[in-house]
N, C-alpha and C. Protein backbone atom coordinates (compact mmCIF):
# COMPACT_ATOMS: atom_id res chain seq x y z
N MET A 1 81.54 -69.05 -140.42
CA MET A 1 82.58 -68.54 -139.53
C MET A 1 83.13 -67.24 -140.09
N LYS A 2 83.32 -66.25 -139.24
CA LYS A 2 83.85 -64.95 -139.66
C LYS A 2 85.35 -65.05 -139.93
N ASN A 3 85.82 -64.21 -140.86
CA ASN A 3 87.24 -64.16 -141.23
C ASN A 3 87.88 -62.95 -140.56
N ILE A 4 88.85 -63.22 -139.69
CA ILE A 4 89.57 -62.15 -139.00
C ILE A 4 90.98 -62.10 -139.58
N LEU A 5 91.35 -60.94 -140.07
CA LEU A 5 92.69 -60.73 -140.63
C LEU A 5 93.56 -60.06 -139.57
N PHE A 6 94.66 -60.70 -139.24
CA PHE A 6 95.61 -60.15 -138.28
C PHE A 6 96.67 -59.35 -139.03
N ILE A 7 96.91 -58.14 -138.56
CA ILE A 7 98.03 -57.33 -139.05
C ILE A 7 99.01 -57.24 -137.89
N VAL A 8 100.15 -57.87 -138.05
CA VAL A 8 101.19 -57.83 -137.02
C VAL A 8 102.14 -56.70 -137.40
N GLY A 9 102.23 -55.73 -136.51
CA GLY A 9 102.95 -54.50 -136.80
C GLY A 9 104.45 -54.58 -136.76
N SER A 10 104.99 -55.67 -136.34
CA SER A 10 106.44 -55.86 -136.37
C SER A 10 106.74 -56.97 -137.36
N LEU A 11 107.57 -56.67 -138.33
CA LEU A 11 107.93 -57.67 -139.34
C LEU A 11 109.08 -58.57 -138.87
N ARG A 12 109.57 -58.31 -137.66
CA ARG A 12 110.67 -59.12 -137.13
C ARG A 12 110.20 -60.54 -136.89
N GLU A 13 110.97 -61.50 -137.38
CA GLU A 13 110.63 -62.90 -137.14
C GLU A 13 110.61 -63.18 -135.64
N GLY A 14 109.54 -63.79 -135.18
CA GLY A 14 109.41 -64.10 -133.76
C GLY A 14 109.10 -62.89 -132.90
N SER A 15 108.57 -61.83 -133.51
CA SER A 15 108.29 -60.61 -132.74
C SER A 15 107.32 -60.90 -131.60
N PHE A 16 107.41 -60.11 -130.56
CA PHE A 16 106.54 -60.28 -129.40
C PHE A 16 105.07 -60.05 -129.80
N ASN A 17 104.84 -59.11 -130.72
CA ASN A 17 103.47 -58.88 -131.18
C ASN A 17 102.95 -60.06 -132.00
N TYR A 18 103.81 -60.71 -132.75
CA TYR A 18 103.40 -61.92 -133.46
C TYR A 18 103.02 -63.01 -132.46
N GLN A 19 103.80 -63.11 -131.41
CA GLN A 19 103.50 -64.11 -130.39
C GLN A 19 102.18 -63.79 -129.67
N MET A 20 101.89 -62.51 -129.47
CA MET A 20 100.60 -62.12 -128.89
C MET A 20 99.48 -62.48 -129.87
N ALA A 21 99.71 -62.27 -131.16
CA ALA A 21 98.70 -62.64 -132.16
C ALA A 21 98.42 -64.14 -132.12
N GLU A 22 99.45 -64.93 -131.93
CA GLU A 22 99.24 -66.38 -131.82
C GLU A 22 98.37 -66.72 -130.62
N GLN A 23 98.54 -65.98 -129.52
CA GLN A 23 97.68 -66.18 -128.35
C GLN A 23 96.23 -65.83 -128.70
N ALA A 24 96.03 -64.74 -129.42
CA ALA A 24 94.68 -64.33 -129.82
C ALA A 24 94.08 -65.35 -130.79
N GLU A 25 94.92 -65.90 -131.65
CA GLU A 25 94.44 -66.93 -132.58
C GLU A 25 93.90 -68.13 -131.81
N GLN A 26 94.58 -68.51 -130.73
CA GLN A 26 94.10 -69.61 -129.90
C GLN A 26 92.76 -69.26 -129.25
N VAL A 27 92.63 -68.01 -128.82
CA VAL A 27 91.38 -67.56 -128.22
C VAL A 27 90.23 -67.67 -129.23
N LEU A 28 90.52 -67.37 -130.49
CA LEU A 28 89.50 -67.38 -131.53
C LEU A 28 89.25 -68.76 -132.14
N ALA A 29 90.05 -69.75 -131.75
CA ALA A 29 89.90 -71.09 -132.33
C ALA A 29 88.45 -71.54 -132.23
N GLU A 30 87.95 -72.07 -133.31
CA GLU A 30 86.58 -72.59 -133.40
C GLU A 30 85.51 -71.50 -133.37
N LYS A 31 85.93 -70.23 -133.25
CA LYS A 31 84.97 -69.11 -133.26
C LYS A 31 85.08 -68.30 -134.55
N ALA A 32 86.28 -68.28 -135.13
CA ALA A 32 86.52 -67.50 -136.35
C ALA A 32 87.73 -68.07 -137.08
N LYS A 33 87.80 -67.78 -138.36
CA LYS A 33 88.96 -68.16 -139.16
C LYS A 33 89.95 -67.00 -139.11
N VAL A 34 91.20 -67.31 -138.81
CA VAL A 34 92.24 -66.28 -138.69
C VAL A 34 93.26 -66.43 -139.82
N SER A 35 93.65 -65.30 -140.39
CA SER A 35 94.75 -65.28 -141.34
C SER A 35 95.64 -64.09 -141.00
N TYR A 36 96.87 -64.13 -141.49
CA TYR A 36 97.85 -63.08 -141.21
C TYR A 36 98.17 -62.35 -142.51
N LEU A 37 98.17 -61.02 -142.45
CA LEU A 37 98.47 -60.22 -143.63
C LEU A 37 99.97 -60.17 -143.86
N ASP A 38 100.38 -60.49 -145.08
CA ASP A 38 101.78 -60.29 -145.48
C ASP A 38 101.85 -58.93 -146.16
N TRP A 39 102.41 -57.97 -145.46
CA TRP A 39 102.51 -56.61 -145.99
C TRP A 39 103.97 -56.18 -146.12
N SER A 40 104.86 -57.14 -146.12
CA SER A 40 106.30 -56.86 -146.12
C SER A 40 106.79 -56.18 -147.40
N GLN A 41 106.03 -56.27 -148.49
CA GLN A 41 106.48 -55.68 -149.76
C GLN A 41 105.80 -54.35 -150.09
N VAL A 42 104.97 -53.85 -149.18
CA VAL A 42 104.28 -52.57 -149.43
C VAL A 42 105.30 -51.44 -149.31
N PRO A 43 105.42 -50.61 -150.36
CA PRO A 43 106.40 -49.52 -150.32
C PRO A 43 105.92 -48.34 -149.48
N MET A 44 106.80 -47.41 -149.25
CA MET A 44 106.41 -46.17 -148.59
C MET A 44 105.36 -45.47 -149.46
N PHE A 45 104.34 -44.91 -148.80
CA PHE A 45 103.27 -44.27 -149.56
C PHE A 45 103.82 -43.11 -150.37
N ASN A 46 103.38 -43.06 -151.63
CA ASN A 46 103.77 -42.01 -152.56
C ASN A 46 102.67 -41.94 -153.60
N GLN A 47 102.03 -40.80 -153.74
CA GLN A 47 100.93 -40.68 -154.70
C GLN A 47 101.37 -41.02 -156.12
N ASP A 48 102.64 -40.86 -156.43
CA ASP A 48 103.13 -41.22 -157.76
C ASP A 48 103.03 -42.72 -158.01
N LEU A 49 102.92 -43.51 -156.93
CA LEU A 49 102.85 -44.96 -157.07
C LEU A 49 101.41 -45.50 -157.04
N GLU A 50 100.43 -44.62 -156.90
CA GLU A 50 99.05 -45.09 -156.73
C GLU A 50 98.44 -45.70 -157.99
N THR A 51 98.81 -45.19 -159.16
CA THR A 51 98.27 -45.75 -160.40
C THR A 51 99.40 -46.00 -161.38
N PRO A 52 99.43 -47.14 -162.01
CA PRO A 52 98.54 -48.27 -161.74
C PRO A 52 98.85 -48.86 -160.35
N VAL A 53 97.86 -49.54 -159.79
CA VAL A 53 98.02 -50.10 -158.44
C VAL A 53 99.12 -51.16 -158.46
N LEU A 54 100.06 -51.00 -157.54
CA LEU A 54 101.16 -51.96 -157.43
C LEU A 54 100.64 -53.31 -156.95
N PRO A 55 101.22 -54.42 -157.44
CA PRO A 55 100.76 -55.74 -157.02
C PRO A 55 100.78 -55.94 -155.50
N ALA A 56 101.80 -55.44 -154.81
CA ALA A 56 101.88 -55.61 -153.35
C ALA A 56 100.75 -54.86 -152.66
N VAL A 57 100.41 -53.69 -153.16
CA VAL A 57 99.33 -52.90 -152.59
C VAL A 57 97.99 -53.57 -152.88
N GLN A 58 97.82 -54.06 -154.11
CA GLN A 58 96.56 -54.74 -154.46
C GLN A 58 96.37 -55.99 -153.61
N ALA A 59 97.44 -56.70 -153.34
CA ALA A 59 97.35 -57.92 -152.53
C ALA A 59 96.85 -57.62 -151.12
N VAL A 60 97.38 -56.56 -150.49
CA VAL A 60 96.92 -56.24 -149.14
C VAL A 60 95.50 -55.70 -149.17
N ARG A 61 95.16 -54.93 -150.18
CA ARG A 61 93.79 -54.44 -150.30
C ARG A 61 92.81 -55.60 -150.45
N ASP A 62 93.17 -56.57 -151.30
CA ASP A 62 92.30 -57.74 -151.50
C ASP A 62 92.10 -58.50 -150.20
N ALA A 63 93.17 -58.68 -149.44
CA ALA A 63 93.08 -59.42 -148.17
C ALA A 63 92.19 -58.68 -147.17
N VAL A 64 92.34 -57.37 -147.09
CA VAL A 64 91.52 -56.58 -146.17
C VAL A 64 90.06 -56.62 -146.62
N GLU A 65 89.83 -56.48 -147.90
CA GLU A 65 88.46 -56.48 -148.39
C GLU A 65 87.77 -57.83 -148.13
N ALA A 66 88.51 -58.92 -148.21
CA ALA A 66 87.94 -60.25 -148.00
C ALA A 66 87.67 -60.55 -146.53
N ALA A 67 88.29 -59.80 -145.64
CA ALA A 67 88.15 -60.05 -144.20
C ALA A 67 86.88 -59.42 -143.65
N ASP A 68 86.33 -60.04 -142.62
CA ASP A 68 85.20 -59.45 -141.91
C ASP A 68 85.66 -58.44 -140.87
N ALA A 69 86.87 -58.65 -140.34
CA ALA A 69 87.41 -57.75 -139.32
C ALA A 69 88.92 -57.76 -139.39
N ILE A 70 89.51 -56.70 -138.86
CA ILE A 70 90.96 -56.54 -138.82
C ILE A 70 91.38 -56.39 -137.36
N TRP A 71 92.37 -57.17 -136.96
CA TRP A 71 92.92 -57.07 -135.60
C TRP A 71 94.40 -56.73 -135.76
N ILE A 72 94.77 -55.55 -135.28
CA ILE A 72 96.14 -55.07 -135.39
C ILE A 72 96.88 -55.37 -134.09
N PHE A 73 98.06 -55.96 -134.21
CA PHE A 73 98.95 -56.22 -133.07
C PHE A 73 100.15 -55.32 -133.27
N SER A 74 100.24 -54.31 -132.43
CA SER A 74 101.18 -53.23 -132.68
C SER A 74 102.23 -53.07 -131.60
N PRO A 75 103.48 -52.93 -132.03
CA PRO A 75 104.47 -52.47 -131.08
C PRO A 75 104.27 -50.96 -130.85
N VAL A 76 105.04 -50.41 -129.97
CA VAL A 76 105.03 -48.98 -129.69
C VAL A 76 106.44 -48.48 -129.95
N TYR A 77 106.55 -47.52 -130.83
CA TYR A 77 107.85 -46.91 -131.13
C TYR A 77 107.80 -45.46 -130.68
N ASN A 78 108.63 -45.11 -129.72
CA ASN A 78 108.69 -43.74 -129.22
C ASN A 78 107.31 -43.21 -128.83
N PHE A 79 106.57 -44.06 -128.08
CA PHE A 79 105.25 -43.71 -127.56
C PHE A 79 104.25 -43.42 -128.68
N SER A 80 104.38 -44.11 -129.82
CA SER A 80 103.48 -43.86 -130.95
C SER A 80 103.35 -45.10 -131.82
N ILE A 81 102.53 -44.96 -132.86
CA ILE A 81 102.36 -46.02 -133.86
C ILE A 81 103.64 -46.11 -134.67
N PRO A 82 104.14 -47.31 -134.92
CA PRO A 82 105.31 -47.43 -135.79
C PRO A 82 105.01 -46.86 -137.18
N GLY A 83 105.99 -46.20 -137.75
CA GLY A 83 105.82 -45.61 -139.07
C GLY A 83 105.41 -46.63 -140.12
N SER A 84 105.89 -47.86 -140.00
CA SER A 84 105.56 -48.89 -140.98
C SER A 84 104.06 -49.21 -140.97
N ILE A 85 103.46 -49.29 -139.80
CA ILE A 85 102.02 -49.56 -139.72
C ILE A 85 101.24 -48.36 -140.22
N LYS A 86 101.64 -47.17 -139.82
CA LYS A 86 100.97 -45.96 -140.30
C LYS A 86 101.01 -45.91 -141.82
N ASN A 87 102.14 -46.27 -142.41
CA ASN A 87 102.27 -46.32 -143.86
C ASN A 87 101.27 -47.29 -144.47
N LEU A 88 101.16 -48.48 -143.89
CA LEU A 88 100.21 -49.48 -144.38
C LEU A 88 98.78 -48.94 -144.28
N LEU A 89 98.44 -48.34 -143.14
CA LEU A 89 97.10 -47.78 -142.96
C LEU A 89 96.84 -46.65 -143.95
N ASP A 90 97.86 -45.87 -144.27
CA ASP A 90 97.71 -44.82 -145.27
C ASP A 90 97.34 -45.41 -146.62
N TRP A 91 98.04 -46.46 -147.03
CA TRP A 91 97.71 -47.12 -148.30
C TRP A 91 96.29 -47.67 -148.28
N LEU A 92 95.92 -48.33 -147.20
CA LEU A 92 94.62 -49.00 -147.13
C LEU A 92 93.44 -48.03 -147.01
N SER A 93 93.72 -46.83 -146.52
CA SER A 93 92.64 -45.86 -146.33
C SER A 93 92.37 -45.02 -147.57
N ARG A 94 93.16 -45.18 -148.59
CA ARG A 94 92.96 -44.42 -149.83
C ARG A 94 91.72 -44.92 -150.55
N ALA A 95 91.02 -44.03 -151.22
CA ALA A 95 89.82 -44.39 -151.98
C ALA A 95 90.16 -45.42 -153.04
N LYS A 96 89.25 -46.37 -153.22
CA LYS A 96 89.44 -47.38 -154.27
C LYS A 96 89.40 -46.74 -155.65
N ASP A 97 88.55 -45.73 -155.80
CA ASP A 97 88.42 -45.01 -157.06
C ASP A 97 89.01 -43.61 -156.86
N LEU A 98 90.19 -43.39 -157.40
CA LEU A 98 90.89 -42.12 -157.17
C LEU A 98 90.26 -40.94 -157.90
N SER A 99 89.28 -41.20 -158.75
CA SER A 99 88.58 -40.07 -159.36
C SER A 99 87.67 -39.38 -158.33
N ASP A 100 87.41 -40.08 -157.21
CA ASP A 100 86.68 -39.51 -156.08
C ASP A 100 87.47 -39.84 -154.82
N THR A 101 88.37 -38.96 -154.45
CA THR A 101 89.28 -39.24 -153.32
C THR A 101 88.56 -39.31 -151.98
N THR A 102 87.29 -38.89 -151.94
CA THR A 102 86.51 -39.02 -150.70
C THR A 102 85.70 -40.31 -150.70
N GLY A 103 85.84 -41.10 -151.75
CA GLY A 103 85.08 -42.34 -151.88
C GLY A 103 85.54 -43.42 -150.92
N VAL A 104 84.88 -44.56 -151.00
CA VAL A 104 85.14 -45.66 -150.08
C VAL A 104 86.52 -46.27 -150.31
N SER A 105 87.09 -46.74 -149.21
CA SER A 105 88.34 -47.48 -149.24
C SER A 105 88.03 -48.92 -148.86
N VAL A 106 89.03 -49.77 -148.90
CA VAL A 106 88.82 -51.16 -148.46
C VAL A 106 88.57 -51.22 -146.96
N PHE A 107 88.90 -50.16 -146.25
CA PHE A 107 88.68 -50.08 -144.81
C PHE A 107 87.28 -49.57 -144.44
N GLN A 108 86.53 -49.08 -145.41
CA GLN A 108 85.24 -48.48 -145.14
C GLN A 108 84.35 -49.39 -144.29
N ASP A 109 84.02 -48.95 -143.10
CA ASP A 109 83.14 -49.66 -142.17
C ASP A 109 83.67 -51.02 -141.71
N LYS A 110 84.93 -51.29 -141.95
CA LYS A 110 85.53 -52.56 -141.52
C LYS A 110 85.66 -52.54 -140.00
N VAL A 111 85.29 -53.62 -139.35
CA VAL A 111 85.44 -53.74 -137.90
C VAL A 111 86.93 -53.92 -137.60
N THR A 112 87.45 -53.09 -136.69
CA THR A 112 88.88 -53.14 -136.33
C THR A 112 89.06 -53.13 -134.82
N THR A 113 90.19 -53.64 -134.39
CA THR A 113 90.59 -53.56 -132.99
C THR A 113 92.11 -53.61 -132.94
N VAL A 114 92.67 -53.31 -131.77
CA VAL A 114 94.12 -53.20 -131.62
C VAL A 114 94.57 -53.82 -130.30
N SER A 115 95.70 -54.51 -130.36
CA SER A 115 96.41 -54.96 -129.15
C SER A 115 97.83 -54.45 -129.24
N LEU A 116 98.42 -54.15 -128.09
CA LEU A 116 99.75 -53.54 -128.05
C LEU A 116 100.66 -54.30 -127.09
N VAL A 117 101.85 -54.63 -127.56
CA VAL A 117 102.87 -55.22 -126.69
C VAL A 117 104.07 -54.28 -126.68
N ALA A 118 104.37 -53.73 -125.52
CA ALA A 118 105.50 -52.82 -125.37
C ALA A 118 105.70 -52.56 -123.89
N ASN A 119 106.87 -52.09 -123.53
CA ASN A 119 107.15 -51.80 -122.13
C ASN A 119 106.91 -50.36 -121.75
N GLY A 120 106.31 -49.61 -122.63
CA GLY A 120 105.96 -48.23 -122.31
C GLY A 120 105.21 -47.61 -123.47
N GLY A 121 104.41 -46.61 -123.16
CA GLY A 121 103.72 -45.85 -124.19
C GLY A 121 102.46 -46.49 -124.74
N THR A 122 101.99 -47.58 -124.11
CA THR A 122 100.80 -48.24 -124.65
C THR A 122 99.55 -47.37 -124.52
N ASP A 123 99.42 -46.63 -123.43
CA ASP A 123 98.24 -45.77 -123.28
C ASP A 123 98.21 -44.69 -124.35
N GLN A 124 99.34 -44.06 -124.61
CA GLN A 124 99.43 -43.01 -125.61
C GLN A 124 99.16 -43.57 -127.01
N THR A 125 99.73 -44.73 -127.29
CA THR A 125 99.56 -45.33 -128.62
C THR A 125 98.13 -45.81 -128.82
N ALA A 126 97.53 -46.38 -127.79
CA ALA A 126 96.13 -46.80 -127.89
C ALA A 126 95.25 -45.60 -128.21
N GLU A 127 95.54 -44.48 -127.59
CA GLU A 127 94.76 -43.27 -127.85
C GLU A 127 94.92 -42.81 -129.30
N ILE A 128 96.11 -42.94 -129.85
CA ILE A 128 96.32 -42.58 -131.26
C ILE A 128 95.48 -43.48 -132.16
N TYR A 129 95.48 -44.79 -131.89
CA TYR A 129 94.64 -45.70 -132.67
C TYR A 129 93.16 -45.38 -132.50
N ARG A 130 92.75 -45.02 -131.29
CA ARG A 130 91.35 -44.68 -131.03
C ARG A 130 90.90 -43.49 -131.88
N ASN A 131 91.81 -42.60 -132.17
CA ASN A 131 91.50 -41.45 -133.01
C ASN A 131 91.65 -41.76 -134.50
N LEU A 132 92.69 -42.50 -134.85
CA LEU A 132 93.00 -42.75 -136.26
C LEU A 132 92.02 -43.71 -136.92
N LEU A 133 91.74 -44.84 -136.27
CA LEU A 133 90.93 -45.86 -136.94
C LEU A 133 89.51 -45.38 -137.27
N PRO A 134 88.81 -44.69 -136.37
CA PRO A 134 87.52 -44.13 -136.79
C PRO A 134 87.67 -43.04 -137.87
N PHE A 135 88.74 -42.27 -137.80
CA PHE A 135 88.94 -41.22 -138.80
C PHE A 135 89.06 -41.81 -140.20
N ILE A 136 89.71 -42.97 -140.32
CA ILE A 136 89.83 -43.59 -141.65
C ILE A 136 88.63 -44.49 -141.94
N ARG A 137 87.56 -44.25 -141.20
CA ARG A 137 86.23 -44.80 -141.44
C ARG A 137 86.12 -46.31 -141.16
N THR A 138 86.83 -46.76 -140.13
CA THR A 138 86.61 -48.12 -139.69
C THR A 138 85.64 -48.11 -138.51
N ASN A 139 85.10 -49.25 -138.21
CA ASN A 139 84.22 -49.42 -137.05
C ASN A 139 85.11 -49.97 -135.93
N PHE A 140 85.65 -49.08 -135.13
CA PHE A 140 86.65 -49.44 -134.12
C PHE A 140 86.00 -50.04 -132.88
N VAL A 141 86.44 -51.23 -132.52
CA VAL A 141 86.01 -51.89 -131.29
C VAL A 141 87.01 -51.52 -130.21
N ASP A 142 86.60 -50.67 -129.30
CA ASP A 142 87.51 -50.11 -128.30
C ASP A 142 87.60 -51.01 -127.08
N GLU A 143 88.17 -52.16 -127.29
CA GLU A 143 88.46 -53.11 -126.20
C GLU A 143 89.92 -53.51 -126.41
N VAL A 144 90.82 -52.59 -126.08
CA VAL A 144 92.24 -52.72 -126.40
C VAL A 144 92.96 -53.54 -125.33
N THR A 145 93.74 -54.51 -125.78
CA THR A 145 94.58 -55.28 -124.87
C THR A 145 95.99 -54.72 -124.94
N THR A 146 96.59 -54.49 -123.77
CA THR A 146 97.99 -54.07 -123.72
C THR A 146 98.75 -55.04 -122.83
N SER A 147 100.02 -55.20 -123.15
CA SER A 147 100.87 -56.07 -122.34
C SER A 147 102.30 -55.56 -122.40
N ARG A 148 102.97 -55.71 -121.30
CA ARG A 148 104.41 -55.43 -121.32
C ARG A 148 105.12 -56.72 -121.70
N VAL A 149 106.34 -56.59 -122.11
CA VAL A 149 107.17 -57.75 -122.47
C VAL A 149 107.77 -58.31 -121.18
N ASN A 150 107.57 -59.61 -120.97
CA ASN A 150 108.15 -60.24 -119.78
C ASN A 150 109.67 -60.16 -119.84
N ASP A 151 110.30 -59.99 -118.68
CA ASP A 151 111.74 -59.77 -118.61
C ASP A 151 112.55 -60.87 -119.29
N SER A 152 112.14 -62.12 -119.13
CA SER A 152 112.90 -63.23 -119.72
C SER A 152 112.87 -63.22 -121.24
N ALA A 153 111.88 -62.58 -121.85
CA ALA A 153 111.76 -62.56 -123.31
C ALA A 153 112.94 -61.86 -123.97
N TRP A 154 113.51 -60.91 -123.26
CA TRP A 154 114.65 -60.19 -123.85
C TRP A 154 115.86 -61.11 -124.00
N ALA A 155 115.91 -62.17 -123.22
CA ALA A 155 117.02 -63.12 -123.31
C ALA A 155 116.67 -64.32 -124.19
N ASP A 156 115.44 -64.86 -124.03
CA ASP A 156 115.11 -66.10 -124.76
C ASP A 156 114.16 -65.90 -125.95
N GLY A 157 113.65 -64.68 -126.13
CA GLY A 157 112.79 -64.40 -127.27
C GLY A 157 111.36 -64.90 -127.13
N GLN A 158 110.99 -65.42 -125.95
CA GLN A 158 109.66 -66.00 -125.76
C GLN A 158 108.76 -65.06 -124.96
N PHE A 159 107.76 -64.51 -125.64
CA PHE A 159 106.77 -63.67 -124.97
C PHE A 159 105.82 -64.58 -124.19
N VAL A 160 105.65 -64.28 -122.91
CA VAL A 160 104.73 -65.04 -122.07
C VAL A 160 103.66 -64.07 -121.57
N ALA A 161 102.45 -64.30 -122.05
CA ALA A 161 101.35 -63.44 -121.65
C ALA A 161 100.92 -63.78 -120.23
N GLU A 162 100.74 -62.75 -119.42
CA GLU A 162 100.23 -62.95 -118.07
C GLU A 162 98.76 -63.32 -118.12
N GLN A 163 98.26 -63.91 -117.06
CA GLN A 163 96.85 -64.33 -117.01
C GLN A 163 95.91 -63.16 -117.30
N GLU A 164 96.22 -62.00 -116.75
CA GLU A 164 95.39 -60.82 -116.98
C GLU A 164 95.33 -60.46 -118.48
N THR A 165 96.46 -60.61 -119.17
CA THR A 165 96.51 -60.34 -120.61
C THR A 165 95.65 -61.34 -121.37
N LEU A 166 95.74 -62.61 -120.99
CA LEU A 166 94.94 -63.64 -121.66
C LEU A 166 93.44 -63.40 -121.44
N GLU A 167 93.08 -62.98 -120.23
CA GLU A 167 91.68 -62.66 -119.95
C GLU A 167 91.22 -61.48 -120.79
N GLN A 168 92.08 -60.48 -120.93
CA GLN A 168 91.73 -59.30 -121.74
C GLN A 168 91.61 -59.69 -123.22
N LEU A 169 92.49 -60.57 -123.70
CA LEU A 169 92.39 -61.03 -125.09
C LEU A 169 91.04 -61.74 -125.32
N ASN A 170 90.62 -62.54 -124.36
CA ASN A 170 89.32 -63.20 -124.47
C ASN A 170 88.20 -62.18 -124.55
N LYS A 171 88.26 -61.18 -123.69
CA LYS A 171 87.25 -60.13 -123.67
C LYS A 171 87.26 -59.35 -125.00
N GLN A 172 88.46 -59.08 -125.51
CA GLN A 172 88.59 -58.36 -126.77
C GLN A 172 88.04 -59.19 -127.92
N ALA A 173 88.35 -60.48 -127.95
CA ALA A 173 87.83 -61.35 -129.01
C ALA A 173 86.31 -61.39 -128.97
N ASP A 174 85.75 -61.50 -127.77
CA ASP A 174 84.28 -61.51 -127.64
C ASP A 174 83.67 -60.21 -128.15
N ALA A 175 84.30 -59.08 -127.82
CA ALA A 175 83.80 -57.77 -128.28
C ALA A 175 83.89 -57.65 -129.80
N LEU A 176 84.96 -58.16 -130.37
CA LEU A 176 85.14 -58.13 -131.82
C LEU A 176 84.06 -58.97 -132.51
N LEU A 177 83.85 -60.17 -132.01
CA LEU A 177 82.84 -61.05 -132.60
C LEU A 177 81.44 -60.48 -132.41
N ALA A 178 81.19 -59.85 -131.28
CA ALA A 178 79.88 -59.23 -131.03
C ALA A 178 79.64 -58.08 -132.02
N ALA A 179 80.69 -57.32 -132.31
CA ALA A 179 80.55 -56.22 -133.28
C ALA A 179 80.23 -56.76 -134.67
N LEU A 180 80.75 -57.93 -134.98
CA LEU A 180 80.46 -58.54 -136.28
C LEU A 180 79.03 -59.08 -136.35
N ALA A 181 78.47 -59.42 -135.20
CA ALA A 181 77.11 -59.96 -135.16
C ALA A 181 76.05 -58.87 -135.30
N ASP A 182 76.44 -57.63 -135.00
CA ASP A 182 75.48 -56.50 -135.07
C ASP A 182 75.07 -56.20 -136.49
């Protein structure tokens, strides 16, 4: 069974993107093993902190390296990638051996995909991921699922995926697994 690592871009407990990830986990049940990356302790990127490697950074690198694929569940902040996720991607895209900064990172050729939950800016943010993830040398599976937040979620905190979103998650999971089979 393939190992899929979920990166949930909102650290808020009960975030809508976390709830979308749980939906994707159900879609992948019996098809792949899913785990969630704990990246809450990763500091803001600073080259002065690169050596020696900080334990929090090493932990996320180890988790990414052990995974067969990465699935990012991202909110949209001001029609863009949240700074916190960009920061994490910056850390993960750095060369493992800093004596050759063009060398491989833990993201090198890693299969990646993205889902977005937000009430606006998903098309713009998806396009940013479409450009960024291949640039940092991942194998991007361009089958992006987007969803708006249901109105009742703002009151009760419960994200409810529409049928169309669930169908797209299924399609995205199939595309991700197919990319791993190649």
